[in-house]
Amino acid sequence: MARQRWTEADIPDLAGRTAVVTGGNAGLGLQISRVLAGRGAQVVLACRSVEKAKAAAASIGGDTAVVRLDLASLASVRSAAEEIRGRYPRLDLLINNAGVMDIPYQRTSDGFELTLATNHLGHFALTGLVLDRLLAAEGSRVVTMSSISHLWGRIDFDDLQGERDYRPEAAYGQSKLANLLFTFELDHRLRAAGVQTSALAAHPGIVYTDLFATASKREQARLKPQLRIINFWAVQDVRMGALPALRAATDPAARGGDYFGPRRYGLRSRFLTGFPALVEPGDSARDAAAADRLWQVSEQLTGVPYGIA
């Protein structure tokens, strides 16, 4: 079977379009932002560190701006959304990329477990708060970065914040499954509302980026030897790892509810590397009842209603 080789060269001209990229100052977010800006898009780096984001914007060039965003703080999310809405009457792309992985148990100022707050609740709130700007742009897209870790994730509605049983890997898997449930439920609601905005998801395979730096020292010590062992066949560089999200964001043939990931055909790959293609999520990501329940819980926890069916 022939490989599908979708590359940066397939990205159309993006002049006149505005894209917000969370975590756009480093790793996959920086690469995504650089490519979008290189195709003519106005790119907004929504990042926790304004200093690092400004340095990244300077390195990217083009029409690149910075907004401070700490996804672990609902106050910061609301402030960032207000700033974005004040600057931009319409948004063509929102790429929910930022995240943390395998961190020790922590609670945010809002009382949420930090992994869930950063990877899911913060992005849920941000998307809802700028949704009107997305709806103002015909064909706009929300792209949320998930992970193969969703395959072993489980939404524990009885202990969503990990108060009784916290394990870093489980918390990360739960948050990445939440990203997919959110994407598919958002797209379902957008289609039911008859609007032109769509929601898509992507995963990068395994890419050794600054995301691993958020892991505890114990987790980093555990992960690095494993990555060295499998590096020759299972680890992508940042440029390749960014392609699934870029395809979800820009491919004219992509549709709402699509999920893109690297797909190299062969017995050993397990689809962790290669050029981006449509991939199937785990069965748990298609659980409509869980998606609806997570949506209701997320609206309650964040206080951000979407106003779509």
Protein backbone atom coordinates (compact mmCIF):
# COMPACT_ATOMS: atom_id res chain seq x y z
CA MET A 1 0.00 0.00 0.00
CA ALA A 2 1.37 3.40 -0.98
CA ARG A 3 2.22 5.82 1.77
CA GLN A 4 0.32 9.03 2.05
CA ARG A 5 2.92 11.78 2.03
CA TRP A 6 1.15 14.96 3.10
CA THR A 7 3.81 17.59 3.86
CA GLU A 8 4.18 21.29 4.58
CA ALA A 9 4.21 21.86 0.83
CA ASP A 10 0.53 20.85 0.74
CA ILE A 11 -0.52 23.71 3.03
CA PRO A 12 -2.44 26.35 1.07
CA ASP A 13 -1.86 30.08 1.25
CA LEU A 14 -3.14 31.34 4.61
CA ALA A 15 -2.94 35.08 3.99
CA GLY A 16 -5.76 36.90 5.73
CA ARG A 17 -6.35 34.14 8.27
CA THR A 18 -5.79 34.41 12.01
CA ALA A 19 -4.63 31.48 14.13
CA VAL A 20 -4.26 31.17 17.91
CA VAL A 21 -1.80 28.51 19.06
CA THR A 22 -1.59 27.64 22.76
CA GLY A 23 1.92 26.81 23.88
CA GLY A 24 3.23 28.33 20.66
CA ASN A 25 6.60 29.30 22.10
CA ALA A 26 8.24 25.85 22.17
CA GLY A 27 8.23 22.32 20.79
CA LEU A 28 5.33 21.34 18.57
CA GLY A 29 3.53 24.64 19.18
CA LEU A 30 6.52 26.64 17.96
CA GLN A 31 6.85 24.51 14.84
CA ILE A 32 3.12 24.77 14.11
CA SER A 33 3.23 28.54 14.61
CA ARG A 34 6.30 28.92 12.41
CA VAL A 35 4.74 26.99 9.54
CA LEU A 36 1.40 28.82 9.75
CA ALA A 37 3.17 32.19 9.78
CA GLY A 38 5.33 31.07 6.86
CA ARG A 39 2.15 30.46 4.86
CA GLY A 40 0.97 34.00 5.57
CA ALA A 41 -1.29 33.54 8.59
CA GLN A 42 -1.48 36.04 11.42
CA VAL A 43 -0.40 33.91 14.39
CA VAL A 44 -1.12 34.57 18.06
CA LEU A 45 1.12 32.74 20.52
CA ALA A 46 -0.95 32.12 23.66
CA CYS A 47 1.62 31.18 26.29
CA ARG A 48 2.22 31.22 30.02
CA SER A 49 5.59 33.00 29.71
CA VAL A 50 5.28 36.26 27.81
CA GLU A 51 9.07 36.64 27.73
CA LYS A 52 9.57 33.25 26.05
CA ALA A 53 6.65 33.88 23.72
CA LYS A 54 8.09 37.22 22.59
CA ALA A 55 11.42 35.56 21.87
CA ALA A 56 9.62 32.87 19.88
CA ALA A 57 7.61 35.48 17.98
CA ALA A 58 10.81 37.31 17.07
CA SER A 59 12.31 34.08 15.73
CA ILE A 60 9.18 33.32 13.69
CA GLY A 61 8.79 36.78 12.19
CA GLY A 62 5.83 37.66 10.04
CA ASP A 63 2.61 38.87 11.62
CA THR A 64 3.05 37.22 15.01
CA ALA A 65 1.59 38.43 18.31
CA VAL A 66 1.65 37.30 21.94
CA VAL A 67 -1.09 36.83 24.54
CA ARG A 68 -0.44 35.65 28.08
CA LEU A 69 -2.31 32.45 28.85
CA ASP A 70 -1.97 30.14 31.84
CA LEU A 71 -4.34 27.28 31.14
CA ALA A 72 -4.17 26.19 34.77
CA SER A 73 -5.90 29.39 35.87
CA LEU A 74 -9.47 30.17 34.84
CA ALA A 75 -8.83 33.83 35.60
CA SER A 76 -5.92 33.82 33.15
CA VAL A 77 -7.98 31.97 30.55
CA ARG A 78 -10.75 34.55 30.83
CA SER A 79 -8.26 37.41 30.61
CA ALA A 80 -6.57 35.89 27.55
CA ALA A 81 -9.91 35.27 25.86
CA GLU A 82 -10.97 38.85 26.52
CA GLU A 83 -7.72 40.13 25.02
CA ILE A 84 -8.07 37.88 21.96
CA ARG A 85 -11.69 38.92 21.45
CA GLY A 86 -10.72 42.57 21.81
CA ARG A 87 -7.98 42.32 19.19
CA TYR A 88 -9.51 40.01 16.62
CA PRO A 89 -13.10 40.20 15.31
CA ARG A 90 -12.72 36.72 13.80
CA LEU A 91 -10.54 33.66 14.29
CA ASP A 92 -9.93 31.09 11.59
CA LEU A 93 -7.95 28.62 13.68
CA LEU A 94 -7.65 27.75 17.34
CA ILE A 95 -5.00 25.11 17.96
CA ASN A 96 -5.22 23.71 21.49
CA ASN A 97 -1.67 22.44 21.75
CA ALA A 98 -0.21 23.28 25.16
CA GLY A 99 -0.02 20.67 27.89
CA VAL A 100 1.79 19.01 30.75
CA MET A 101 2.66 15.35 31.17
CA ASP A 102 3.30 12.91 34.02
CA ILE A 103 3.66 15.51 36.77
CA PRO A 104 3.43 15.07 40.55
CA TYR A 105 0.03 15.72 42.09
CA GLN A 106 -0.77 19.42 42.30
CA ARG A 107 -3.92 21.50 42.69
CA THR A 108 -4.54 24.75 40.85
CA SER A 109 -5.84 27.94 42.43
CA ASP A 110 -9.28 26.88 41.17
CA GLY A 111 -8.98 23.58 43.05
CA PHE A 112 -8.47 21.37 40.00
CA GLU A 113 -5.86 18.66 39.48
CA LEU A 114 -3.15 20.31 37.38
CA THR A 115 -2.98 17.86 34.46
CA LEU A 116 -6.73 17.89 33.89
CA ALA A 117 -6.86 21.65 34.36
CA THR A 118 -4.09 22.38 31.86
CA ASN A 119 -4.73 19.77 29.21
CA HIS A 120 -8.52 19.75 29.16
CA LEU A 121 -10.41 22.24 31.33
CA GLY A 122 -8.31 25.24 30.32
CA HIS A 123 -8.73 24.48 26.63
CA PHE A 124 -12.44 23.76 27.09
CA ALA A 125 -12.89 27.18 28.71
CA LEU A 126 -10.74 29.03 26.18
CA THR A 127 -12.56 27.51 23.22
CA GLY A 128 -15.94 28.40 24.67
CA LEU A 129 -14.91 31.95 25.46
CA VAL A 130 -13.67 32.70 21.93
CA LEU A 131 -16.27 30.60 20.14
CA ASP A 132 -18.12 33.66 18.83
CA ARG A 133 -14.94 34.79 17.06
CA LEU A 134 -14.59 31.35 15.48
CA LEU A 135 -18.21 31.35 14.38
CA ALA A 136 -17.60 34.69 12.67
CA ALA A 137 -15.10 33.06 10.29
CA GLU A 138 -16.58 30.72 7.69
CA GLY A 139 -14.76 27.39 7.67
CA SER A 140 -12.96 28.03 10.96
CA ARG A 141 -11.50 25.08 12.85
CA VAL A 142 -10.67 24.07 16.39
CA VAL A 143 -7.80 21.57 16.46
CA THR A 144 -6.99 19.88 19.75
CA MET A 145 -3.80 17.90 20.30
CA SER A 146 -4.34 14.49 21.83
CA SER A 147 -1.91 11.60 22.24
CA ILE A 148 -1.66 7.84 21.81
CA SER A 149 -1.86 7.86 25.61
CA HIS A 150 -5.63 8.22 25.24
CA LEU A 151 -5.67 4.50 24.39
CA TRP A 152 -5.03 3.59 28.03
CA GLY A 153 -6.87 6.58 29.46
CA ARG A 154 -10.11 6.36 31.41
CA ILE A 155 -12.41 9.17 32.55
CA ASP A 156 -12.89 8.50 36.25
CA PHE A 157 -16.00 10.54 36.95
CA ASP A 158 -15.96 9.32 40.56
CA ASP A 159 -12.45 10.69 41.11
CA LEU A 160 -11.93 13.14 38.26
CA GLN A 161 -9.46 15.26 40.23
CA GLY A 162 -7.39 12.29 41.41
CA GLU A 163 -8.03 13.01 45.07
CA ARG A 164 -8.26 9.36 46.10
CA ASP A 165 -5.91 7.68 43.66
CA TYR A 166 -3.45 9.82 41.71
CA ARG A 167 -1.01 8.31 39.25
CA PRO A 168 0.76 10.63 36.79
CA GLU A 169 0.42 8.31 33.79
CA ALA A 170 -3.27 7.72 34.47
CA ALA A 171 -3.93 11.45 34.88
CA TYR A 172 -2.21 12.16 31.56
CA GLY A 173 -4.10 9.38 29.77
CA GLN A 174 -7.37 10.67 31.19
CA SER A 175 -6.63 14.20 29.99
CA LYS A 176 -5.73 13.04 26.48
CA LEU A 177 -8.89 10.94 26.26
CA ALA A 178 -10.78 14.02 27.44
CA ASN A 179 -9.25 15.97 24.53
CA LEU A 180 -10.76 13.53 22.04
CA LEU A 181 -14.13 13.29 23.76
CA PHE A 182 -14.25 17.09 23.79
CA THR A 183 -13.34 17.30 20.10
CA PHE A 184 -15.95 14.81 18.92
CA GLU A 185 -18.68 16.25 21.16
CA LEU A 186 -17.84 19.82 20.10
CA ASP A 187 -18.00 18.88 16.44
CA HIS A 188 -21.30 17.05 17.00
CA ARG A 189 -22.79 20.14 18.64
CA LEU A 190 -21.45 22.47 15.96
CA ARG A 191 -22.96 20.35 13.20
CA ALA A 192 -26.27 20.17 15.06
CA ALA A 193 -26.25 23.96 15.26
CA GLY A 194 -25.73 24.18 11.49
CA VAL A 195 -22.63 26.39 11.69
CA GLN A 196 -19.50 26.33 9.52
CA THR A 197 -16.99 25.89 12.35
CA SER A 198 -15.61 22.38 12.84
CA ALA A 199 -13.56 20.54 15.44
CA LEU A 200 -10.73 18.14 14.65
CA ALA A 201 -7.99 16.38 16.60
CA ALA A 202 -4.45 15.20 16.04
CA HIS A 203 -1.65 13.32 17.74
CA PRO A 204 2.06 13.67 16.97
CA GLY A 205 3.22 10.12 17.69
CA ILE A 206 6.16 10.18 20.07
CA VAL A 207 8.16 13.40 19.89
CA TYR A 208 10.75 14.26 22.51
CA THR A 209 9.91 17.92 23.20
CA ASP A 210 9.83 20.24 26.19
CA LEU A 211 6.63 18.47 27.22
CA PHE A 212 8.83 15.79 28.77
CA ALA A 213 10.42 18.48 30.92
CA THR A 214 7.16 18.82 32.83
CA ALA A 215 7.53 15.26 34.04
CA SER A 216 9.01 14.61 37.45
CA LYS A 217 12.72 13.78 37.63
CA ARG A 218 11.73 10.20 38.38
CA GLU A 219 9.56 10.04 35.26
CA GLN A 220 12.24 11.65 33.10
CA ALA A 221 14.76 9.09 34.30
CA ARG A 222 12.30 6.33 33.42
CA LEU A 223 11.33 7.70 30.01
CA LYS A 224 14.66 8.77 28.54
CA PRO A 225 16.27 5.29 28.39
CA GLN A 226 13.13 3.94 26.75
CA LEU A 227 13.15 6.69 24.15
CA ARG A 228 16.82 6.05 23.38
CA ILE A 229 16.08 2.37 22.83
CA ILE A 230 13.16 2.96 20.43
CA ASN A 231 14.46 6.18 18.88
CA PHE A 232 15.60 4.47 15.68
CA TRP A 233 12.04 3.58 14.68
CA ALA A 234 9.43 5.13 16.94
CA VAL A 235 10.41 8.74 17.73
CA GLN A 236 9.70 11.59 15.34
CA ASP A 237 11.38 14.97 15.17
CA VAL A 238 9.33 18.07 15.89
CA ARG A 239 8.88 18.94 12.24
CA MET A 240 7.24 15.59 11.48
CA GLY A 241 5.35 15.56 14.78
CA ALA A 242 3.69 18.88 13.94
CA LEU A 243 2.33 17.68 10.59
CA PRO A 244 -0.82 15.92 11.89
CA ALA A 245 -2.05 19.10 13.61
CA LEU A 246 -1.10 21.18 10.59
CA ARG A 247 -3.05 18.86 8.32
CA ALA A 248 -6.08 18.98 10.61
CA ALA A 249 -5.84 22.78 10.58
CA THR A 250 -5.24 23.43 6.89
CA ASP A 251 -6.06 20.49 4.62
CA PRO A 252 -9.10 21.57 2.54
CA ALA A 253 -10.22 17.93 2.42
CA ALA A 254 -10.26 17.55 6.23
CA ARG A 255 -13.68 17.38 7.85
CA GLY A 256 -15.08 17.95 11.32
CA GLY A 257 -14.48 14.99 13.61
CA ASP A 258 -11.37 13.87 11.71
CA TYR A 259 -8.43 12.60 13.74
CA PHE A 260 -4.97 12.78 12.21
CA GLY A 261 -1.77 11.06 13.27
CA PRO A 262 1.47 9.75 11.80
CA ARG A 263 1.02 6.55 9.88
CA ARG A 264 3.95 4.55 8.60
CA TYR A 265 2.91 1.25 7.15
CA GLY A 266 4.82 -1.74 8.46
CA LEU A 267 4.75 -4.38 11.16
CA ARG A 268 7.04 -2.64 13.62
CA SER A 269 5.82 0.94 13.47
CA ARG A 270 2.43 0.73 15.23
CA PHE A 271 1.65 4.06 13.51
CA LEU A 272 3.90 6.17 15.72
CA THR A 273 5.91 7.72 12.91
CA GLY A 274 5.48 8.83 9.34
CA PHE A 275 3.42 11.28 7.35
CA PRO A 276 0.00 12.36 8.67
CA ALA A 277 -3.14 10.47 7.72
CA LEU A 278 -6.57 9.80 9.13
CA VAL A 279 -6.28 7.41 12.06
CA GLU A 280 -8.84 5.72 14.28
CA PRO A 281 -9.03 6.60 17.98
CA GLY A 282 -9.63 4.01 20.66
CA ASP A 283 -13.20 2.86 21.27
CA SER A 284 -13.41 4.86 24.51
CA ALA A 285 -12.98 8.10 22.53
CA ARG A 286 -16.23 7.33 20.66
CA ASP A 287 -18.31 6.87 23.81
CA ALA A 288 -21.11 9.39 23.21
CA ALA A 289 -22.52 9.07 26.72
CA ALA A 290 -19.13 9.74 28.30
CA ALA A 291 -18.56 12.69 25.95
CA ASP A 292 -21.88 14.27 26.88
CA ARG A 293 -21.26 13.71 30.59
CA LEU A 294 -17.75 15.16 30.38
CA TRP A 295 -19.16 18.18 28.54
CA GLN A 296 -21.71 18.82 31.28
CA VAL A 297 -19.08 18.42 34.01
CA SER A 298 -16.65 20.69 32.17
CA GLU A 299 -19.24 23.44 31.80
CA GLN A 300 -20.01 23.20 35.51
CA LEU A 301 -16.38 23.23 36.62
CA THR A 302 -15.26 26.06 34.35
CA GLY A 303 -18.45 28.11 34.43
CA VAL A 304 -18.22 28.47 30.64
CA PRO A 305 -21.46 27.59 28.83
CA TYR A 306 -21.21 27.21 25.06
CA GLY A 307 -24.79 27.98 24.14
CA ILE A 308 -24.88 25.32 21.41
CA ALA A 309 -27.08 22.23 21.59
